[in-house]
Amino acid sequence: MSQKPILFRVTNNLGIGGIQRRLRSLLPKLLPWYEVHIVTYKAKGIFFNELQKQGVHCHFIPLKGKWDPIGIIKLAKLFKKYNADIVHTHSLGGNISGILAATIAKVPVKIAQVHLSSLHWYAKNKIHRKKQIIEENIVHLLFTNKILFVSKESQNYFLNHTRGLKHKVFLLHNGLELPKNSISIAPELSKLKKKVVGFVGRIAKGKGLDYFLEFAVEVLKQSDDFVFVIVGPGEVEKWKAKIPKWAKNDILFLGEKKDIYKYYKGLDILLFTSEPKIEGMPGVVLEAACLGIPILARKSEVLREIQEYYPNLKFIDEHVSKAEMLYKTLALKPADTSRIKEHFSIDAMLKRTIQLYQELMGKI
C-alpha cells in the first residue's frame, strides 16, 4: 500500500489545451508527495499515455453528462478502490460529477477548479445557463471544501453569479514549465521570409479567430511585410474558406502541434484575439510572455493582471491602423521576463498547490 496521500484529478480530456498542458507539467512533479491519479471522462487525449509512462495513474470513465448516474457511481467506486484522500476536479462537468462522486465515496478533501469566466457556464440558452449556475452553486455549497480560480477576473465573475461561496474561494495562478534547453524554430516557420504574426490555441468559440482573420486581411491590404499563422486544432477548412484568394499565401493554418514552443520561437508577435471575459488565465499569453515575445491583444481584465508582470503586452487600439500597431509592437525594446517567469513558473505553482493540499488535509 502507498504511504503517500492518494490524489485524484478529474478533467474532460488530456488533449492539447491550456488546462491539459498545465496538468501535463504539474502532475509528474507531484509524484514525490502524492500517489497521483487522473480521470478523463470525454476522451483520453494526446497526453494520456505520456503521463502514464511518467508514473501518473490514468483512468478513462466515459460520462454521458455531468449528471450521468451510472458514470458518477463508477467514478465513486474508483475513488473508493484507491481510498482517495483528495479529489481535485476541473471545469463545470468535472466539478459537478467529480465532487458528487467524491462525496458518495466519502473522500475527505474535495476541491473544484474554475478556469474560465463567462464561458464556465457554457449553455447557449439563458434559462439553461441559470440552471447550470444554480446546480453548481448547490453542489459547492453542500460538498466542496475549496473552489480554485486561475485569475481575479474569473473569481470575481463566479462570485457575482453565485451565493454563499465567498469563504470557499482561493486564487491559484497557473504555472508554466518552460523548455530547459535551447529551442529550435519549427521548420514551417523558419523558412518564412516575412515577420510572423501568430494565433496559438484551439479554434473554438470565444477564441476570436474571426477577429484575427479580419485583422490579418486588413494588414495585408496595407503592408506586405507580414505573414499570419494559426497554430492549433479545430475546423480548419471552414475558416480557410473565409480567406480571400489573394491573401491565402500569407494566412497559414498549421494545425495541432505538440512541441508548441518551437512555434512560439518562430513568432515575431503573438496576436491574442480571445474575446474579453472568455479566458481564465490564458496560458498562450503566459508562454509567449515568458519567452519574451511581444504581444498585441484585445483588452481584458485578466490580461491587465498579466501586464503587471510583463510590460511588452500591449492592447489593440481601434483608432490606430492595424499595420501601424504591428510595427509599433515590433519596435518594443526586449522586456525583462524574470518577474513573470518567477511568479508563473511550474515550481511556484507546485509549491502553492502542495501548501493548499497540506492545509486542507490538516483540517480533516
Protein backbone atom coordinates (compact mmCIF):
# COMPACT_ATOMS: atom_id res chain seq x y z
CA MET A 1 0.00 0.00 0.00
CA SER A 2 1.21 3.51 -0.82
CA GLN A 3 2.21 5.61 2.21
CA LYS A 4 1.62 8.79 0.23
CA PRO A 5 -1.78 10.52 0.21
CA ILE A 6 -3.90 9.47 -2.78
CA LEU A 7 -4.68 12.36 -5.12
CA PHE A 8 -7.22 12.21 -7.95
CA ARG A 9 -7.61 14.94 -10.57
CA VAL A 10 -10.71 14.85 -12.81
CA THR A 11 -10.88 16.56 -16.21
CA ASN A 12 -12.69 16.04 -19.51
CA ASN A 13 -9.66 15.10 -21.63
CA LEU A 14 -5.88 15.27 -21.94
CA GLY A 15 -5.72 16.74 -25.42
CA ILE A 16 -3.93 19.91 -26.50
CA GLY A 17 -5.27 22.79 -24.44
CA GLY A 18 -4.31 25.17 -21.65
CA ILE A 19 -5.66 23.07 -18.76
CA GLN A 20 -4.20 19.91 -20.23
CA ARG A 21 -0.73 21.38 -20.72
CA ARG A 22 -0.69 22.58 -17.10
CA LEU A 23 -1.68 19.09 -15.91
CA ARG A 24 0.96 17.51 -18.15
CA SER A 25 3.63 19.64 -16.45
CA LEU A 26 2.32 19.60 -12.87
CA LEU A 27 1.17 16.03 -12.20
CA PRO A 28 4.56 14.29 -12.57
CA LYS A 29 6.07 16.88 -10.23
CA LEU A 30 3.52 15.96 -7.54
CA LEU A 31 4.65 12.30 -7.51
CA PRO A 32 7.24 12.64 -4.71
CA TRP A 33 4.45 13.80 -2.36
CA TYR A 34 1.33 12.00 -3.67
CA GLU A 35 0.19 8.90 -5.47
CA VAL A 36 -1.27 10.76 -8.43
CA HIS A 37 -4.27 9.62 -10.48
CA ILE A 38 -6.12 11.43 -13.24
CA VAL A 39 -9.54 10.55 -14.63
CA THR A 40 -10.77 11.76 -18.02
CA TYR A 41 -14.43 11.40 -18.93
CA LYS A 42 -14.86 12.63 -22.53
CA ALA A 43 -11.70 11.42 -24.27
CA LYS A 44 -8.21 10.25 -23.37
CA GLY A 45 -6.26 12.80 -25.39
CA ILE A 46 -2.68 13.12 -26.60
CA PHE A 47 -1.09 13.35 -23.12
CA PHE A 48 -2.89 10.33 -21.59
CA ASN A 49 -0.26 7.70 -22.43
CA GLU A 50 2.59 10.14 -21.87
CA LEU A 51 1.52 10.81 -18.28
CA GLN A 52 1.01 7.10 -17.69
CA LYS A 53 4.63 6.43 -18.70
CA GLN A 54 5.76 9.06 -16.18
CA GLY A 55 4.08 7.28 -13.29
CA VAL A 56 0.69 9.00 -13.17
CA HIS A 57 -2.21 6.53 -12.94
CA CYS A 58 -4.54 7.43 -15.84
CA HIS A 59 -8.17 6.27 -15.96
CA PHE A 60 -10.88 6.80 -18.56
CA ILE A 61 -14.51 6.67 -17.38
CA PRO A 62 -16.93 7.97 -20.05
CA LEU A 63 -19.74 10.18 -18.75
CA LYS A 64 -22.88 10.91 -20.78
CA GLY A 65 -23.31 14.24 -19.00
CA LYS A 66 -22.48 15.89 -15.70
CA TRP A 67 -25.47 14.19 -14.03
CA ASP A 68 -24.88 10.71 -15.52
CA PRO A 69 -25.77 8.47 -12.52
CA ILE A 70 -24.00 5.35 -13.81
CA GLY A 71 -20.85 7.32 -14.62
CA ILE A 72 -20.87 9.06 -11.24
CA ILE A 73 -21.24 5.71 -9.42
CA LYS A 74 -18.33 4.26 -11.46
CA LEU A 75 -16.25 7.30 -10.54
CA ALA A 76 -17.16 6.91 -6.85
CA LYS A 77 -16.18 3.22 -6.94
CA LEU A 78 -12.81 4.17 -8.43
CA PHE A 79 -12.18 6.69 -5.63
CA LYS A 80 -13.20 4.07 -3.04
CA LYS A 81 -11.00 1.39 -4.62
CA TYR A 82 -7.89 3.52 -4.13
CA ASN A 83 -9.08 5.11 -0.86
CA ALA A 84 -8.67 8.62 -2.27
CA ASP A 85 -7.66 11.39 0.13
CA ILE A 86 -8.08 14.33 -2.26
CA VAL A 87 -10.27 14.76 -5.35
CA HIS A 88 -9.48 17.88 -7.39
CA THR A 89 -11.86 18.49 -10.30
CA HIS A 90 -11.75 20.84 -13.29
CA SER A 91 -14.43 22.87 -15.11
CA LEU A 92 -18.23 22.63 -14.84
CA GLY A 93 -18.71 18.99 -15.87
CA GLY A 94 -15.83 17.70 -13.76
CA ASN A 95 -16.82 19.87 -10.81
CA ILE A 96 -20.36 18.51 -10.61
CA SER A 97 -19.74 14.84 -11.49
CA GLY A 98 -16.41 14.62 -9.68
CA ILE A 99 -17.50 16.35 -6.47
CA LEU A 100 -20.69 14.25 -6.28
CA ALA A 101 -18.71 11.04 -6.84
CA ALA A 102 -16.16 12.08 -4.21
CA THR A 103 -18.97 12.80 -1.75
CA ILE A 104 -20.50 9.36 -2.35
CA ALA A 105 -17.05 7.80 -1.87
CA LYS A 106 -16.56 9.83 1.35
CA VAL A 107 -13.34 11.42 0.10
CA PRO A 108 -12.10 13.79 2.85
CA VAL A 109 -10.88 16.69 0.67
CA LYS A 110 -12.90 17.86 -2.33
CA ILE A 111 -11.54 20.70 -4.48
CA ALA A 112 -13.16 22.21 -7.58
CA GLN A 113 -11.39 24.44 -10.07
CA VAL A 114 -12.80 27.10 -12.40
CA HIS A 115 -10.67 28.04 -15.41
CA LEU A 116 -12.90 30.39 -17.39
CA SER A 117 -15.03 33.45 -16.76
CA SER A 118 -18.21 33.84 -18.84
CA LEU A 119 -17.81 30.50 -20.66
CA HIS A 120 -17.55 28.43 -17.47
CA TRP A 121 -21.34 28.08 -17.60
CA TYR A 122 -21.49 27.35 -21.30
CA ALA A 123 -25.20 26.85 -22.09
CA LYS A 124 -26.40 29.00 -25.00
CA ASN A 125 -29.89 29.44 -23.57
CA LYS A 126 -30.12 32.00 -20.73
CA ILE A 127 -32.50 29.85 -18.67
CA HIS A 128 -30.34 26.75 -19.12
CA ARG A 129 -27.25 28.75 -18.13
CA LYS A 130 -29.01 29.97 -14.98
CA LYS A 131 -29.84 26.33 -14.21
CA GLN A 132 -26.14 25.41 -14.55
CA ILE A 133 -25.21 28.21 -12.14
CA ILE A 134 -27.77 27.10 -9.53
CA GLU A 135 -26.76 23.44 -9.84
CA GLU A 136 -23.07 24.11 -9.35
CA ASN A 137 -23.77 26.62 -6.58
CA ILE A 138 -25.70 23.96 -4.61
CA VAL A 139 -23.05 21.26 -5.14
CA HIS A 140 -20.26 23.53 -3.88
CA LEU A 141 -22.33 24.90 -1.01
CA LEU A 142 -23.07 21.38 0.26
CA PHE A 143 -19.97 19.35 -0.55
CA THR A 144 -16.89 21.26 -1.77
CA ASN A 145 -14.06 22.29 0.55
CA LYS A 146 -12.35 24.78 -1.76
CA ILE A 147 -13.02 26.38 -5.16
CA LEU A 148 -9.90 27.43 -7.04
CA PHE A 149 -9.61 30.18 -9.65
CA VAL A 150 -6.78 30.94 -12.05
CA SER A 151 -7.38 34.71 -12.15
CA LYS A 152 -9.03 37.50 -10.18
CA GLU A 153 -11.38 38.11 -13.11
CA SER A 154 -12.71 34.52 -13.17
CA GLN A 155 -13.06 34.54 -9.38
CA ASN A 156 -15.00 37.81 -9.35
CA TYR A 157 -17.24 36.67 -12.23
CA PHE A 158 -18.07 33.45 -10.37
CA LEU A 159 -18.81 35.23 -7.08
CA ASN A 160 -21.04 37.76 -8.84
CA HIS A 161 -23.23 34.91 -10.14
CA THR A 162 -23.33 32.62 -7.08
CA ARG A 163 -24.32 32.91 -3.43
CA GLY A 164 -22.72 31.83 -0.15
CA LEU A 165 -19.38 30.66 -1.55
CA LYS A 166 -17.03 33.55 -0.80
CA HIS A 167 -15.43 31.72 2.14
CA LYS A 168 -14.52 28.79 -0.13
CA VAL A 169 -12.71 30.61 -2.95
CA PHE A 170 -8.93 30.57 -3.45
CA LEU A 171 -6.77 32.20 -6.15
CA LEU A 172 -4.20 29.80 -7.65
CA HIS A 173 -2.32 31.26 -10.60
CA ASN A 174 -1.19 28.86 -13.30
CA GLY A 175 2.41 27.78 -13.72
CA LEU A 176 4.42 27.02 -16.83
CA GLU A 177 7.18 24.53 -17.50
CA LEU A 178 9.48 26.27 -19.94
CA PRO A 179 11.96 24.24 -22.01
CA LYS A 180 15.31 23.88 -20.24
CA ASN A 181 17.32 23.57 -23.45
CA SER A 182 17.56 25.97 -26.37
CA ILE A 183 14.57 25.81 -28.70
CA SER A 184 14.83 25.39 -32.45
CA ILE A 185 12.31 27.11 -34.70
CA ALA A 186 9.69 24.86 -36.32
CA PRO A 187 10.66 24.17 -39.97
CA GLU A 188 7.37 25.60 -41.28
CA LEU A 189 8.21 28.95 -39.68
CA SER A 190 11.98 29.09 -40.20
CA LYS A 191 11.53 29.22 -43.98
CA LEU A 192 9.19 32.23 -43.86
CA LYS A 193 10.83 35.45 -45.05
CA LYS A 194 8.33 37.90 -43.55
CA LYS A 195 7.53 38.93 -39.98
CA VAL A 196 5.41 36.18 -38.43
CA VAL A 197 2.25 37.10 -36.51
CA GLY A 198 0.69 34.14 -34.72
CA PHE A 199 -2.59 32.83 -33.32
CA VAL A 200 -1.93 29.93 -30.93
CA GLY A 201 -4.66 27.77 -29.40
CA ARG A 202 -7.80 25.82 -30.11
CA ILE A 203 -10.04 27.14 -32.85
CA ALA A 204 -13.14 27.40 -30.71
CA LYS A 205 -15.92 29.70 -29.54
CA GLY A 206 -14.64 32.85 -27.90
CA LYS A 207 -11.05 32.48 -29.11
CA GLY A 208 -11.53 35.27 -31.66
CA LEU A 209 -10.23 33.62 -34.82
CA ASP A 210 -12.75 35.66 -36.83
CA TYR A 211 -11.23 38.83 -35.37
CA PHE A 212 -7.70 37.53 -36.08
CA LEU A 213 -8.52 36.83 -39.74
CA GLU A 214 -10.20 40.21 -40.23
CA PHE A 215 -7.16 41.85 -38.64
CA ALA A 216 -4.82 39.86 -40.91
CA VAL A 217 -6.70 40.72 -44.11
CA GLU A 218 -6.74 44.41 -43.23
CA VAL A 219 -2.99 44.42 -42.51
CA LEU A 220 -2.22 42.57 -45.74
CA LYS A 221 -4.07 45.30 -47.63
CA GLN A 222 -1.75 47.86 -46.01
CA SER A 223 1.58 46.01 -45.96
CA ASP A 224 3.37 43.01 -47.47
CA ASP A 225 5.82 42.69 -44.54
CA PHE A 226 3.77 40.17 -42.59
CA VAL A 227 2.59 36.57 -42.70
CA PHE A 228 -0.08 35.27 -40.31
CA VAL A 229 -0.07 31.73 -38.90
CA ILE A 230 -2.71 29.81 -36.95
CA VAL A 231 -1.36 27.01 -34.72
CA GLY A 232 -4.00 24.81 -33.11
CA PRO A 233 -6.76 22.25 -33.69
CA GLY A 234 -10.24 22.99 -35.00
CA GLU A 235 -12.42 23.25 -38.08
CA VAL A 236 -9.64 24.47 -40.36
CA GLU A 237 -11.41 24.10 -43.72
CA LYS A 238 -14.38 26.16 -42.55
CA TRP A 239 -12.09 29.06 -41.69
CA LYS A 240 -9.86 28.69 -44.74
CA ALA A 241 -12.93 29.27 -46.90
CA LYS A 242 -13.37 32.73 -45.35
CA ILE A 243 -9.96 33.98 -46.53
CA PRO A 244 -9.83 35.95 -49.82
CA LYS A 245 -7.88 34.12 -52.54
CA TRP A 246 -5.29 36.91 -52.79
CA ALA A 247 -4.44 36.51 -49.07
CA LYS A 248 -4.21 32.71 -48.83
CA ASN A 249 -0.41 32.58 -49.19
CA ASP A 250 0.03 34.91 -46.22
CA ILE A 251 -2.51 33.33 -43.84
CA LEU A 252 -1.41 29.79 -42.99
CA PHE A 253 -3.14 27.10 -40.91
CA LEU A 254 -0.56 24.77 -39.36
CA GLY A 255 -2.88 22.52 -37.31
CA GLU A 256 -2.40 20.94 -33.88
CA LYS A 257 1.20 20.79 -32.63
CA LYS A 258 2.63 19.00 -29.61
CA ASP A 259 6.00 20.80 -29.47
CA ILE A 260 4.38 24.21 -29.21
CA TYR A 261 7.49 26.09 -28.08
CA LYS A 262 9.12 25.53 -31.48
CA TYR A 263 6.24 27.50 -32.95
CA TYR A 264 6.41 30.27 -30.35
CA LYS A 265 10.11 30.55 -31.19
CA GLY A 266 9.21 31.36 -34.79
CA LEU A 267 6.80 34.19 -33.91
CA ASP A 268 7.72 37.85 -34.09
CA ILE A 269 4.39 38.83 -32.50
CA LEU A 270 1.62 36.94 -30.73
CA LEU A 271 -1.73 38.43 -31.75
CA PHE A 272 -4.08 37.34 -28.97
CA THR A 273 -7.68 37.86 -30.00
CA SER A 274 -9.80 35.99 -27.44
CA GLU A 275 -12.95 37.87 -26.50
CA PRO A 276 -12.89 39.74 -23.17
CA LYS A 277 -14.22 37.73 -20.17
CA ILE A 278 -13.70 34.45 -22.03
CA GLU A 279 -10.31 33.34 -20.72
CA GLY A 280 -9.50 32.36 -17.17
CA MET A 281 -5.72 32.81 -17.25
CA PRO A 282 -4.57 32.36 -20.86
CA GLY A 283 -1.60 30.02 -20.96
CA VAL A 284 -0.82 31.11 -24.51
CA VAL A 285 -0.13 34.67 -23.31
CA LEU A 286 1.90 33.45 -20.32
CA GLU A 287 4.01 31.17 -22.52
CA ALA A 288 4.69 33.87 -25.10
CA ALA A 289 5.48 36.43 -22.38
CA CYS A 290 7.93 34.11 -20.62
CA LEU A 291 9.75 33.70 -23.94
CA GLY A 292 9.89 37.47 -24.38
CA ILE A 293 7.63 37.56 -27.45
CA PRO A 294 5.86 40.91 -27.96
CA ILE A 295 2.09 40.52 -27.56
CA LEU A 296 -0.72 42.57 -29.08
CA ALA A 297 -4.13 41.72 -27.64
CA ARG A 298 -7.75 42.70 -27.20
CA LYS A 299 -8.11 44.44 -23.85
CA SER A 300 -9.41 42.42 -20.89
CA GLU A 301 -9.09 42.41 -17.10
CA VAL A 302 -7.20 39.13 -16.97
CA LEU A 303 -4.59 40.49 -19.39
CA ARG A 304 -4.15 43.54 -17.16
CA GLU A 305 -3.29 41.03 -14.43
CA ILE A 306 -0.53 39.59 -16.64
CA GLN A 307 0.61 43.05 -17.77
CA GLU A 308 1.67 43.75 -14.18
CA TYR A 309 4.43 41.18 -14.72
CA TYR A 310 5.20 41.72 -18.44
CA PRO A 311 5.26 45.22 -20.00
CA ASN A 312 5.50 44.06 -23.63
CA LEU A 313 1.85 43.08 -23.61
CA LYS A 314 0.06 45.89 -25.45
CA PHE A 315 -3.63 46.37 -26.18
CA ILE A 316 -5.24 46.91 -29.57
CA ASP A 317 -6.29 50.50 -30.24
CA GLU A 318 -9.17 50.53 -32.72
CA HIS A 319 -8.32 54.16 -33.61
CA VAL A 320 -4.88 53.22 -34.99
CA SER A 321 -4.27 51.36 -38.25
CA LYS A 322 -3.65 47.68 -37.67
CA ALA A 323 -0.39 47.61 -39.63
CA GLU A 324 0.90 50.56 -37.59
CA MET A 325 0.10 48.69 -34.36
CA LEU A 326 2.15 45.72 -35.55
CA TYR A 327 5.11 47.93 -36.45
CA LYS A 328 4.93 49.61 -33.03
CA THR A 329 4.81 46.21 -31.32
CA LEU A 330 7.85 45.03 -33.30
CA ALA A 331 9.74 48.15 -32.20
CA LEU A 332 9.34 47.44 -28.46
CA LYS A 333 12.57 47.02 -26.53
CA PRO A 334 13.12 43.50 -25.14
CA ALA A 335 11.36 43.14 -21.79
CA ASP A 336 12.73 41.74 -18.54
CA THR A 337 10.99 38.35 -18.18
CA SER A 338 12.34 37.47 -14.73
CA ARG A 339 9.24 38.55 -12.74
CA ILE A 340 6.72 36.71 -14.92
CA LYS A 341 8.89 33.59 -15.04
CA GLU A 342 9.25 33.56 -11.28
CA HIS A 343 5.57 34.09 -10.44
CA PHE A 344 4.11 31.87 -13.16
CA SER A 345 6.69 29.08 -13.05
CA ILE A 346 5.56 25.48 -12.68
CA ASP A 347 7.65 25.22 -9.50
CA ALA A 348 5.83 28.19 -7.95
CA MET A 349 2.50 26.57 -8.87
CA LEU A 350 3.71 23.25 -7.43
CA LYS A 351 4.62 24.92 -4.14
CA ARG A 352 1.27 26.73 -3.90
CA THR A 353 -0.64 23.52 -4.75
CA ILE A 354 1.15 21.39 -2.14
CA GLN A 355 0.66 24.07 0.53
CA LEU A 356 -3.06 24.13 -0.21
CA TYR A 357 -3.38 20.33 -0.15
CA GLN A 358 -1.47 20.09 3.14
CA GLU A 359 -3.58 22.82 4.71
CA LEU A 360 -6.84 21.10 3.71
CA MET A 361 -5.58 17.65 4.75
CA GLY A 362 -4.61 19.11 8.13
CA LYS A 363 -8.21 20.22 8.72
CA ILE A 364 -9.66 16.71 8.37
